[in-house]
Full PDB file with SEQRES, HELIX, SHEET, SSBOND, CRYST1, ORIGX, SCALE, CONECT and MASTER records, all heavy atoms in Angstrom:
SEQRES   1 A   40  SER SER PRO ALA PHE ILE ILE GLU GLY THR ASN SER LYS          
SEQRES   2 A   40  THR LEU CYS ILE PRO THR ILE PHE VAL SER TYR THR GLY          
SEQRES   3 A   40  GLU ALA LEU ASP TYR LYS THR PRO LEU LEU LYS SER LEU          
SEQRES   4 A   40  LYS                                                          
HELIX    1 AA1 LYS A   32  LEU A   39  1                                   8    
SHEET    1 AA1 2 PHE A   5  GLU A   8  0                                        
SHEET    2 AA1 2 LYS A  13  CYS A  16 -1                                        
CRYST1    1.000    1.000    1.000  90.00  90.00  90.00 P 1           1          
ORIGX1      1.000000  0.000000  0.000000        0.00000                         
ORIGX2      0.000000  1.000000  0.000000        0.00000                         
ORIGX3      0.000000  0.000000  1.000000        0.00000                         
SCALE1      1.000000  0.000000  0.000000        0.00000                         
SCALE2      0.000000  1.000000  0.000000        0.00000                         
SCALE3      0.000000  0.000000  1.000000        0.00000                         
ATOM      1  N   SER A   1       0.794  -1.239   0.036  1.00  0.00           N  
ATOM      2  CA  SER A   1      -0.015   0.002  -0.012  1.00  0.00           C  
ATOM      3  C   SER A   1       0.838   1.254  -0.007  1.00  0.00           C  
ATOM      4  O   SER A   1       0.354   2.358  -0.242  1.00  0.00           O  
ATOM      5  CB  SER A   1      -0.902   0.006   1.240  1.00  0.00           C  
ATOM      6  OG  SER A   1      -0.185   0.120   2.408  1.00  0.00           O  
ATOM      7  N   SER A   2       2.116   1.161   0.279  1.00  0.00           N  
ATOM      8  CA  SER A   2       3.054   2.306   0.342  1.00  0.00           C  
ATOM      9  C   SER A   2       4.078   2.125  -0.837  1.00  0.00           C  
ATOM     10  O   SER A   2       4.824   1.157  -0.799  1.00  0.00           O  
ATOM     11  CB  SER A   2       3.745   2.406   1.632  1.00  0.00           C  
ATOM     12  OG  SER A   2       4.449   3.601   1.748  1.00  0.00           O  
ATOM     13  N   PRO A   3       4.115   3.003  -1.781  1.00  0.00           N  
ATOM     14  CA  PRO A   3       4.993   2.778  -2.981  1.00  0.00           C  
ATOM     15  C   PRO A   3       6.420   2.879  -2.656  1.00  0.00           C  
ATOM     16  O   PRO A   3       6.886   3.653  -1.781  1.00  0.00           O  
ATOM     17  CB  PRO A   3       4.559   3.913  -3.893  1.00  0.00           C  
ATOM     18  CG  PRO A   3       3.944   4.916  -3.029  1.00  0.00           C  
ATOM     19  CD  PRO A   3       3.332   4.237  -1.918  1.00  0.00           C  
ATOM     20  N   ALA A   4       7.228   2.034  -3.340  1.00  0.00           N  
ATOM     21  CA  ALA A   4       8.700   2.116  -3.228  1.00  0.00           C  
ATOM     22  C   ALA A   4       9.187   3.452  -3.807  1.00  0.00           C  
ATOM     23  O   ALA A   4       8.509   4.066  -4.618  1.00  0.00           O  
ATOM     24  CB  ALA A   4       9.337   0.935  -3.934  1.00  0.00           C  
ATOM     25  N   PHE A   5      10.414   3.766  -3.391  1.00  0.00           N  
ATOM     26  CA  PHE A   5      10.973   5.085  -3.832  1.00  0.00           C  
ATOM     27  C   PHE A   5      12.446   5.016  -3.876  1.00  0.00           C  
ATOM     28  O   PHE A   5      13.077   4.053  -3.323  1.00  0.00           O  
ATOM     29  CB  PHE A   5      10.531   6.212  -2.886  1.00  0.00           C  
ATOM     30  CG  PHE A   5      10.809   5.974  -1.466  1.00  0.00           C  
ATOM     31  CD1 PHE A   5      12.054   6.386  -0.920  1.00  0.00           C  
ATOM     32  CD2 PHE A   5       9.930   5.353  -0.594  1.00  0.00           C  
ATOM     33  CE1 PHE A   5      12.366   6.121   0.463  1.00  0.00           C  
ATOM     34  CE2 PHE A   5      10.249   5.097   0.699  1.00  0.00           C  
ATOM     35  CZ  PHE A   5      11.422   5.519   1.274  1.00  0.00           C  
ATOM     36  N   ILE A   6      13.087   5.917  -4.538  1.00  0.00           N  
ATOM     37  CA  ILE A   6      14.587   5.920  -4.691  1.00  0.00           C  
ATOM     38  C   ILE A   6      15.098   7.106  -3.909  1.00  0.00           C  
ATOM     39  O   ILE A   6      14.715   8.259  -4.077  1.00  0.00           O  
ATOM     40  CB  ILE A   6      14.999   6.055  -6.163  1.00  0.00           C  
ATOM     41  CG1 ILE A   6      14.646   4.733  -6.906  1.00  0.00           C  
ATOM     42  CG2 ILE A   6      16.486   6.336  -6.318  1.00  0.00           C  
ATOM     43  CD1 ILE A   6      14.853   4.694  -8.370  1.00  0.00           C  
ATOM     44  N   ILE A   7      16.113   6.763  -3.071  1.00  0.00           N  
ATOM     45  CA  ILE A   7      16.815   7.764  -2.263  1.00  0.00           C  
ATOM     46  C   ILE A   7      18.127   7.992  -2.944  1.00  0.00           C  
ATOM     47  O   ILE A   7      18.903   7.038  -3.287  1.00  0.00           O  
ATOM     48  CB  ILE A   7      17.055   7.372  -0.839  1.00  0.00           C  
ATOM     49  CG1 ILE A   7      15.774   7.523  -0.040  1.00  0.00           C  
ATOM     50  CG2 ILE A   7      18.175   8.179  -0.201  1.00  0.00           C  
ATOM     51  CD1 ILE A   7      15.343   8.996   0.217  1.00  0.00           C  
ATOM     52  N   GLU A   8      18.497   9.264  -3.237  1.00  0.00           N  
ATOM     53  CA  GLU A   8      19.768   9.612  -3.885  1.00  0.00           C  
ATOM     54  C   GLU A   8      20.770   9.953  -2.876  1.00  0.00           C  
ATOM     55  O   GLU A   8      20.681  10.937  -2.209  1.00  0.00           O  
ATOM     56  CB  GLU A   8      19.553  10.759  -4.864  1.00  0.00           C  
ATOM     57  CG  GLU A   8      18.516  10.403  -6.004  1.00  0.00           C  
ATOM     58  CD  GLU A   8      18.305  11.614  -6.974  1.00  0.00           C  
ATOM     59  OE1 GLU A   8      18.589  12.714  -6.540  1.00  0.00           O  
ATOM     60  OE2 GLU A   8      17.837  11.402  -7.999  1.00  0.00           O  
ATOM     61  N   GLY A   9      21.836   9.168  -2.776  1.00  0.00           N  
ATOM     62  CA  GLY A   9      22.980   9.468  -1.913  1.00  0.00           C  
ATOM     63  C   GLY A   9      23.960  10.314  -2.639  1.00  0.00           C  
ATOM     64  O   GLY A   9      23.814  10.765  -3.763  1.00  0.00           O  
ATOM     65  N   THR A  10      25.109  10.531  -1.954  1.00  0.00           N  
ATOM     66  CA  THR A  10      26.156  11.377  -2.561  1.00  0.00           C  
ATOM     67  C   THR A  10      26.673  10.728  -3.878  1.00  0.00           C  
ATOM     68  O   THR A  10      26.833  11.378  -4.871  1.00  0.00           O  
ATOM     69  CB  THR A  10      27.331  11.559  -1.569  1.00  0.00           C  
ATOM     70  OG1 THR A  10      26.802  12.074  -0.401  1.00  0.00           O  
ATOM     71  CG2 THR A  10      28.343  12.545  -2.159  1.00  0.00           C  
ATOM     72  N   ASN A  11      26.933   9.437  -3.848  1.00  0.00           N  
ATOM     73  CA  ASN A  11      27.487   8.708  -5.008  1.00  0.00           C  
ATOM     74  C   ASN A  11      26.688   7.509  -5.504  1.00  0.00           C  
ATOM     75  O   ASN A  11      27.174   6.809  -6.283  1.00  0.00           O  
ATOM     76  CB  ASN A  11      28.916   8.272  -4.634  1.00  0.00           C  
ATOM     77  CG  ASN A  11      29.831   9.380  -4.331  1.00  0.00           C  
ATOM     78  OD1 ASN A  11      29.928  10.357  -5.080  1.00  0.00           O  
ATOM     79  ND2 ASN A  11      30.470   9.331  -3.128  1.00  0.00           N  
ATOM     80  N   SER A  12      25.522   7.330  -4.896  1.00  0.00           N  
ATOM     81  CA  SER A  12      24.722   6.201  -5.336  1.00  0.00           C  
ATOM     82  C   SER A  12      23.257   6.409  -5.098  1.00  0.00           C  
ATOM     83  O   SER A  12      22.861   7.347  -4.430  1.00  0.00           O  
ATOM     84  CB  SER A  12      25.186   4.926  -4.549  1.00  0.00           C  
ATOM     85  OG  SER A  12      24.849   5.074  -3.193  1.00  0.00           O  
ATOM     86  N   LYS A  13      22.404   5.538  -5.678  1.00  0.00           N  
ATOM     87  CA  LYS A  13      20.943   5.636  -5.496  1.00  0.00           C  
ATOM     88  C   LYS A  13      20.517   4.259  -4.981  1.00  0.00           C  
ATOM     89  O   LYS A  13      20.983   3.215  -5.404  1.00  0.00           O  
ATOM     90  CB  LYS A  13      20.265   5.951  -6.791  1.00  0.00           C  
ATOM     91  CG  LYS A  13      20.650   7.353  -7.358  1.00  0.00           C  
ATOM     92  CD  LYS A  13      19.892   7.637  -8.654  1.00  0.00           C  
ATOM     93  CE  LYS A  13      20.306   8.992  -9.200  1.00  0.00           C  
ATOM     94  NZ  LYS A  13      19.571   9.278 -10.473  1.00  0.00           N  
ATOM     95  N   THR A  14      19.520   4.299  -4.080  1.00  0.00           N  
ATOM     96  CA  THR A  14      18.993   3.042  -3.438  1.00  0.00           C  
ATOM     97  C   THR A  14      17.494   2.978  -3.566  1.00  0.00           C  
ATOM     98  O   THR A  14      16.808   3.977  -3.274  1.00  0.00           O  
ATOM     99  CB  THR A  14      19.406   2.977  -1.988  1.00  0.00           C  
ATOM    100  OG1 THR A  14      20.827   3.077  -1.919  1.00  0.00           O  
ATOM    101  CG2 THR A  14      18.970   1.709  -1.338  1.00  0.00           C  
ATOM    102  N   LEU A  15      16.966   1.836  -3.988  1.00  0.00           N  
ATOM    103  CA  LEU A  15      15.583   1.580  -4.054  1.00  0.00           C  
ATOM    104  C   LEU A  15      15.122   1.241  -2.626  1.00  0.00           C  
ATOM    105  O   LEU A  15      15.584   0.252  -2.015  1.00  0.00           O  
ATOM    106  CB  LEU A  15      15.251   0.424  -4.954  1.00  0.00           C  
ATOM    107  CG  LEU A  15      13.818  -0.103  -4.951  1.00  0.00           C  
ATOM    108  CD1 LEU A  15      12.856   0.949  -5.607  1.00  0.00           C  
ATOM    109  CD2 LEU A  15      13.714  -1.377  -5.726  1.00  0.00           C  
ATOM    110  N   CYS A  16      14.162   1.983  -2.071  1.00  0.00           N  
ATOM    111  CA  CYS A  16      13.632   1.761  -0.727  1.00  0.00           C  
ATOM    112  C   CYS A  16      12.285   1.183  -0.781  1.00  0.00           C  
ATOM    113  O   CYS A  16      11.371   1.746  -1.421  1.00  0.00           O  
ATOM    114  CB  CYS A  16      13.666   3.046   0.080  1.00  0.00           C  
ATOM    115  SG  CYS A  16      15.279   3.817   0.312  1.00  0.00           S  
ATOM    116  N   ILE A  17      12.061   0.066  -0.144  1.00  0.00           N  
ATOM    117  CA  ILE A  17      10.804  -0.638  -0.146  1.00  0.00           C  
ATOM    118  C   ILE A  17      10.161  -0.602   1.205  1.00  0.00           C  
ATOM    119  O   ILE A  17      10.677  -1.188   2.218  1.00  0.00           O  
ATOM    120  CB  ILE A  17      10.998  -2.136  -0.543  1.00  0.00           C  
ATOM    121  CG1 ILE A  17      11.734  -2.190  -1.959  1.00  0.00           C  
ATOM    122  CG2 ILE A  17       9.690  -2.894  -0.565  1.00  0.00           C  
ATOM    123  CD1 ILE A  17      12.397  -3.519  -2.198  1.00  0.00           C  
ATOM    124  N   PRO A  18       9.060   0.165   1.424  1.00  0.00           N  
ATOM    125  CA  PRO A  18       8.422   0.237   2.753  1.00  0.00           C  
ATOM    126  C   PRO A  18       7.907  -1.059   3.209  1.00  0.00           C  
ATOM    127  O   PRO A  18       7.263  -1.843   2.444  1.00  0.00           O  
ATOM    128  CB  PRO A  18       7.282   1.235   2.437  1.00  0.00           C  
ATOM    129  CG  PRO A  18       7.674   2.029   1.302  1.00  0.00           C  
ATOM    130  CD  PRO A  18       8.451   1.098   0.448  1.00  0.00           C  
ATOM    131  N   THR A  19       8.279  -1.389   4.459  1.00  0.00           N  
ATOM    132  CA  THR A  19       7.872  -2.729   5.029  1.00  0.00           C  
ATOM    133  C   THR A  19       7.435  -2.628   6.473  1.00  0.00           C  
ATOM    134  O   THR A  19       7.634  -1.579   7.140  1.00  0.00           O  
ATOM    135  CB  THR A  19       9.105  -3.682   5.002  1.00  0.00           C  
ATOM    136  OG1 THR A  19      10.161  -3.039   5.785  1.00  0.00           O  
ATOM    137  CG2 THR A  19       9.618  -3.908   3.583  1.00  0.00           C  
ATOM    138  N   ILE A  20       6.812  -3.659   6.983  1.00  0.00           N  
ATOM    139  CA  ILE A  20       6.636  -3.812   8.342  1.00  0.00           C  
ATOM    140  C   ILE A  20       7.724  -4.642   8.955  1.00  0.00           C  
ATOM    141  O   ILE A  20       8.489  -5.222   8.272  1.00  0.00           O  
ATOM    142  CB  ILE A  20       5.212  -4.460   8.637  1.00  0.00           C  
ATOM    143  CG1 ILE A  20       5.196  -5.953   7.994  1.00  0.00           C  
ATOM    144  CG2 ILE A  20       4.045  -3.622   8.021  1.00  0.00           C  
ATOM    145  CD1 ILE A  20       4.019  -6.754   8.458  1.00  0.00           C  
ATOM    146  N   PHE A  21       7.764  -4.667  10.264  1.00  0.00           N  
ATOM    147  CA  PHE A  21       8.845  -5.384  10.971  1.00  0.00           C  
ATOM    148  C   PHE A  21       8.299  -6.192  12.109  1.00  0.00           C  
ATOM    149  O   PHE A  21       7.672  -5.605  13.033  1.00  0.00           O  
ATOM    150  CB  PHE A  21       9.881  -4.329  11.438  1.00  0.00           C  
ATOM    151  CG  PHE A  21      11.055  -4.912  12.186  1.00  0.00           C  
ATOM    152  CD1 PHE A  21      11.675  -6.147  11.770  1.00  0.00           C  
ATOM    153  CD2 PHE A  21      11.548  -4.270  13.282  1.00  0.00           C  
ATOM    154  CE1 PHE A  21      12.759  -6.645  12.480  1.00  0.00           C  
ATOM    155  CE2 PHE A  21      12.663  -4.783  14.005  1.00  0.00           C  
ATOM    156  CZ  PHE A  21      13.272  -6.002  13.586  1.00  0.00           C  
ATOM    157  N   VAL A  22       8.415  -7.502  12.071  1.00  0.00           N  
ATOM    158  CA  VAL A  22       7.916  -8.356  13.117  1.00  0.00           C  
ATOM    159  C   VAL A  22       8.922  -9.332  13.611  1.00  0.00           C  
ATOM    160  O   VAL A  22       9.994  -9.571  12.922  1.00  0.00           O  
ATOM    161  CB  VAL A  22       6.677  -9.122  12.639  1.00  0.00           C  
ATOM    162  CG1 VAL A  22       5.506  -8.199  12.229  1.00  0.00           C  
ATOM    163  CG2 VAL A  22       7.006 -10.047  11.438  1.00  0.00           C  
ATOM    164  N   SER A  23       8.730  -9.861  14.775  1.00  0.00           N  
ATOM    165  CA  SER A  23       9.687 -10.889  15.336  1.00  0.00           C  
ATOM    166  C   SER A  23       9.447 -12.217  14.691  1.00  0.00           C  
ATOM    167  O   SER A  23       8.462 -12.454  14.006  1.00  0.00           O  
ATOM    168  CB  SER A  23       9.531 -11.001  16.811  1.00  0.00           C  
ATOM    169  OG  SER A  23       8.310 -11.609  17.160  1.00  0.00           O  
ATOM    170  N   TYR A  24      10.341 -13.173  14.933  1.00  0.00           N  
ATOM    171  CA  TYR A  24      10.251 -14.487  14.418  1.00  0.00           C  
ATOM    172  C   TYR A  24       8.952 -15.144  14.931  1.00  0.00           C  
ATOM    173  O   TYR A  24       8.330 -15.990  14.200  1.00  0.00           O  
ATOM    174  CB  TYR A  24      11.512 -15.302  14.922  1.00  0.00           C  
ATOM    175  CG  TYR A  24      11.413 -16.801  14.531  1.00  0.00           C  
ATOM    176  CD1 TYR A  24      11.545 -17.157  13.201  1.00  0.00           C  
ATOM    177  CD2 TYR A  24      11.266 -17.776  15.521  1.00  0.00           C  
ATOM    178  CE1 TYR A  24      11.478 -18.527  12.816  1.00  0.00           C  
ATOM    179  CE2 TYR A  24      11.249 -19.138  15.167  1.00  0.00           C  
ATOM    180  CZ  TYR A  24      11.322 -19.466  13.814  1.00  0.00           C  
ATOM    181  OH  TYR A  24      11.336 -20.800  13.485  1.00  0.00           O  
ATOM    182  N   THR A  25       8.471 -14.744  16.102  1.00  0.00           N  
ATOM    183  CA  THR A  25       7.261 -15.344  16.649  1.00  0.00           C  
ATOM    184  C   THR A  25       6.022 -14.498  16.347  1.00  0.00           C  
ATOM    185  O   THR A  25       4.928 -14.784  16.863  1.00  0.00           O  
ATOM    186  CB  THR A  25       7.389 -15.488  18.188  1.00  0.00           C  
ATOM    187  OG1 THR A  25       7.907 -14.288  18.766  1.00  0.00           O  
ATOM    188  CG2 THR A  25       8.399 -16.603  18.543  1.00  0.00           C  
ATOM    189  N   GLY A  26       6.206 -13.476  15.522  1.00  0.00           N  
ATOM    190  CA  GLY A  26       5.030 -12.767  14.941  1.00  0.00           C  
ATOM    191  C   GLY A  26       4.655 -11.468  15.636  1.00  0.00           C  
ATOM    192  O   GLY A  26       3.779 -10.767  15.165  1.00  0.00           O  
ATOM    193  N   GLU A  27       5.354 -11.096  16.750  1.00  0.00           N  
ATOM    194  CA  GLU A  27       4.974  -9.840  17.407  1.00  0.00           C  
ATOM    195  C   GLU A  27       5.464  -8.660  16.656  1.00  0.00           C  
ATOM    196  O   GLU A  27       6.570  -8.656  16.076  1.00  0.00           O  
ATOM    197  CB  GLU A  27       5.612  -9.829  18.851  1.00  0.00           C  
ATOM    198  CG  GLU A  27       4.969 -10.789  19.809  1.00  0.00           C  
ATOM    199  CD  GLU A  27       5.760 -12.096  19.810  1.00  0.00           C  
ATOM    200  OE1 GLU A  27       6.697 -12.246  19.068  1.00  0.00           O  
ATOM    201  OE2 GLU A  27       5.349 -13.003  20.583  1.00  0.00           O  
ATOM    202  N   ALA A  28       4.658  -7.603  16.618  1.00  0.00           N  
ATOM    203  CA  ALA A  28       5.057  -6.332  15.931  1.00  0.00           C  
ATOM    204  C   ALA A  28       6.217  -5.657  16.663  1.00  0.00           C  
ATOM    205  O   ALA A  28       6.144  -5.509  17.913  1.00  0.00           O  
ATOM    206  CB  ALA A  28       3.883  -5.390  15.806  1.00  0.00           C  
ATOM    207  N   LEU A  29       7.293  -5.334  15.912  1.00  0.00           N  
ATOM    208  CA  LEU A  29       8.431  -4.626  16.480  1.00  0.00           C  
ATOM    209  C   LEU A  29       8.574  -3.267  15.922  1.00  0.00           C  
ATOM    210  O   LEU A  29       9.679  -2.674  15.933  1.00  0.00           O  
ATOM    211  CB  LEU A  29       9.710  -5.455  16.283  1.00  0.00           C  
ATOM    212  CG  LEU A  29       9.789  -6.831  16.969  1.00  0.00           C  
ATOM    213  CD1 LEU A  29      11.034  -7.520  16.597  1.00  0.00           C  
ATOM    214  CD2 LEU A  29       9.682  -6.629  18.502  1.00  0.00           C  
ATOM    215  N   ASP A  30       7.520  -2.768  15.333  1.00  0.00           N  
ATOM    216  CA  ASP A  30       7.540  -1.455  14.639  1.00  0.00           C  
ATOM    217  C   ASP A  30       6.276  -0.620  14.967  1.00  0.00           C  
ATOM    218  O   ASP A  30       5.386  -1.109  15.623  1.00  0.00           O  
ATOM    219  CB  ASP A  30       7.686  -1.684  13.168  1.00  0.00           C  
ATOM    220  CG  ASP A  30       6.438  -2.281  12.482  1.00  0.00           C  
ATOM    221  OD1 ASP A  30       5.630  -2.878  13.247  1.00  0.00           O  
ATOM    222  OD2 ASP A  30       6.364  -2.274  11.246  1.00  0.00           O  
ATOM    223  N   TYR A  31       6.237   0.561  14.401  1.00  0.00           N  
ATOM    224  CA  TYR A  31       5.093   1.428  14.563  1.00  0.00           C  
ATOM    225  C   TYR A  31       4.028   1.221  13.435  1.00  0.00           C  
ATOM    226  O   TYR A  31       2.866   1.556  13.562  1.00  0.00           O  
ATOM    227  CB  TYR A  31       5.490   2.899  14.650  1.00  0.00           C  
ATOM    228  CG  TYR A  31       6.108   3.264  15.896  1.00  0.00           C  
ATOM    229  CD1 TYR A  31       7.407   3.620  16.021  1.00  0.00           C  
ATOM    230  CD2 TYR A  31       5.341   3.283  17.065  1.00  0.00           C  
ATOM    231  CE1 TYR A  31       7.933   3.965  17.208  1.00  0.00           C  
ATOM    232  CE2 TYR A  31       5.860   3.678  18.328  1.00  0.00           C  
ATOM    233  CZ  TYR A  31       7.203   4.022  18.378  1.00  0.00           C  
ATOM    234  OH  TYR A  31       7.766   4.403  19.558  1.00  0.00           O  
ATOM    235  N   LYS A  32       4.528   0.654  12.290  1.00  0.00           N  
ATOM    236  CA  LYS A  32       3.652   0.621  11.143  1.00  0.00           C  
ATOM    237  C   LYS A  32       2.621  -0.499  11.191  1.00  0.00           C  
ATOM    238  O   LYS A  32       1.489  -0.310  10.759  1.00  0.00           O  
ATOM    239  CB  LYS A  32       4.514   0.465   9.896  1.00  0.00           C  
ATOM    240  CG  LYS A  32       3.697   0.562   8.581  1.00  0.00           C  
ATOM    241  CD  LYS A  32       4.628   0.650   7.361  1.00  0.00           C  
ATOM    242  CE  LYS A  32       3.798   1.121   6.194  1.00  0.00           C  
ATOM    243  NZ  LYS A  32       4.647   1.334   5.028  1.00  0.00           N  
ATOM    244  N   THR A  33       3.059  -1.681  11.700  1.00  0.00           N  
ATOM    245  CA  THR A  33       2.145  -2.837  11.732  1.00  0.00           C  
ATOM    246  C   THR A  33       0.779  -2.544  12.472  1.00  0.00           C  
ATOM    247  O   THR A  33      -0.245  -2.681  11.924  1.00  0.00           O  
ATOM    248  CB  THR A  33       2.818  -4.056  12.363  1.00  0.00           C  
ATOM    249  OG1 THR A  33       3.965  -4.370  11.576  1.00  0.00           O  
ATOM    250  CG2 THR A  33       1.868  -5.216  12.367  1.00  0.00           C  
ATOM    251  N   PRO A  34       0.821  -2.036  13.722  1.00  0.00           N  
ATOM    252  CA  PRO A  34      -0.447  -1.684  14.348  1.00  0.00           C  
ATOM    253  C   PRO A  34      -1.226  -0.568  13.659  1.00  0.00           C  
ATOM    254  O   PRO A  34      -2.444  -0.549  13.709  1.00  0.00           O  
ATOM    255  CB  PRO A  34      -0.033  -1.297  15.786  1.00  0.00           C  
ATOM    256  CG  PRO A  34       1.434  -1.054  15.739  1.00  0.00           C  
ATOM    257  CD  PRO A  34       2.022  -1.867  14.625  1.00  0.00           C  
ATOM    258  N   LEU A  35      -0.491   0.394  13.046  1.00  0.00           N  
ATOM    259  CA  LEU A  35      -1.165   1.459  12.294  1.00  0.00           C  
ATOM    260  C   LEU A  35      -2.053   0.842  11.185  1.00  0.00           C  
ATOM    261  O   LEU A  35      -3.180   1.240  11.015  1.00  0.00           O  
ATOM    262  CB  LEU A  35      -0.147   2.462  11.783  1.00  0.00           C  
ATOM    263  CG  LEU A  35      -0.802   3.560  10.910  1.00  0.00           C  
ATOM    264  CD1 LEU A  35      -1.713   4.393  11.695  1.00  0.00           C  
ATOM    265  CD2 LEU A  35       0.266   4.408  10.226  1.00  0.00           C  
ATOM    266  N   LEU A  36      -1.408  -0.062  10.416  1.00  0.00           N  
ATOM    267  CA  LEU A  36      -2.151  -0.613   9.273  1.00  0.00           C  
ATOM    268  C   LEU A  36      -3.375  -1.424   9.843  1.00  0.00           C  
ATOM    269  O   LEU A  36      -4.428  -1.357   9.194  1.00  0.00           O  
ATOM    270  CB  LEU A  36      -1.171  -1.589   8.525  1.00  0.00           C  
ATOM    271  CG  LEU A  36      -0.100  -0.872   7.725  1.00  0.00           C  
ATOM    272  CD1 LEU A  36       0.835  -1.921   7.102  1.00  0.00           C  
ATOM    273  CD2 LEU A  36      -0.626   0.018   6.675  1.00  0.00           C  
ATOM    274  N   LYS A  37      -3.190  -2.115  10.881  1.00  0.00           N  
ATOM    275  CA  LYS A  37      -4.304  -2.855  11.459  1.00  0.00           C  
ATOM    276  C   LYS A  37      -5.419  -1.939  11.963  1.00  0.00           C  
ATOM    277  O   LYS A  37      -6.618  -2.192  11.744  1.00  0.00           O  
ATOM    278  CB  LYS A  37      -3.833  -3.692  12.695  1.00  0.00           C  
ATOM    279  CG  LYS A  37      -2.986  -4.862  12.279  1.00  0.00           C  
ATOM    280  CD  LYS A  37      -2.552  -5.638  13.509  1.00  0.00           C  
ATOM    281  CE  LYS A  37      -1.734  -6.892  13.227  1.00  0.00           C  
ATOM    282  NZ  LYS A  37      -1.264  -7.581  14.457  1.00  0.00           N  
ATOM    283  N   SER A  38      -5.033  -0.772  12.541  1.00  0.00           N  
ATOM    284  CA  SER A  38      -6.029   0.160  13.044  1.00  0.00           C  
ATOM    285  C   SER A  38      -6.757   0.817  11.908  1.00  0.00           C  
ATOM    286  O   SER A  38      -7.970   1.151  12.029  1.00  0.00           O  
ATOM    287  CB  SER A  38      -5.387   1.189  13.904  1.00  0.00           C  
ATOM    288  OG  SER A  38      -4.615   2.155  13.189  1.00  0.00           O  
ATOM    289  N   LEU A  39      -6.087   1.048  10.759  1.00  0.00           N  
ATOM    290  CA  LEU A  39      -6.764   1.705   9.638  1.00  0.00           C  
ATOM    291  C   LEU A  39      -7.833   0.713   9.059  1.00  0.00           C  
ATOM    292  O   LEU A  39      -8.942   1.155   8.660  1.00  0.00           O  
ATOM    293  CB  LEU A  39      -5.768   2.014   8.543  1.00  0.00           C  
ATOM    294  CG  LEU A  39      -4.814   3.181   8.926  1.00  0.00           C  
ATOM    295  CD1 LEU A  39      -3.654   3.292   7.946  1.00  0.00           C  
ATOM    296  CD2 LEU A  39      -5.534   4.503   9.017  1.00  0.00           C  
ATOM    297  N   LYS A  40      -7.473  -0.561   8.979  1.00  0.00           N  
ATOM    298  CA  LYS A  40      -8.507  -1.500   8.539  1.00  0.00           C  
ATOM    299  C   LYS A  40      -9.664  -1.654   9.458  1.00  0.00           C  
ATOM    300  O   LYS A  40     -10.835  -1.698   9.092  1.00  0.00           O  
ATOM    301  CB  LYS A  40      -7.806  -2.920   8.339  1.00  0.00           C  
ATOM    302  CG  LYS A  40      -8.740  -3.980   7.770  1.00  0.00           C  
ATOM    303  CD  LYS A  40      -8.116  -5.286   7.665  1.00  0.00           C  
ATOM    304  CE  LYS A  40      -9.034  -6.302   6.994  1.00  0.00           C  
ATOM    305  NZ  LYS A  40     -10.344  -6.478   7.723  1.00  0.00           N  
TER     306      LYS A  40                                                      
MASTER        0    0    0    1    2    0    0    6  305    1    0    4          
END                                                                             
């Protein structure tokens, strides 16, 4: 739902892919995961 984008550094460019972050056992370790759940 969040488009990828390119960040331009001093000598290189990087494709940035927005993601959520969770633990191996599934717990949210970021701010984005609960936000997406709350929006739904």
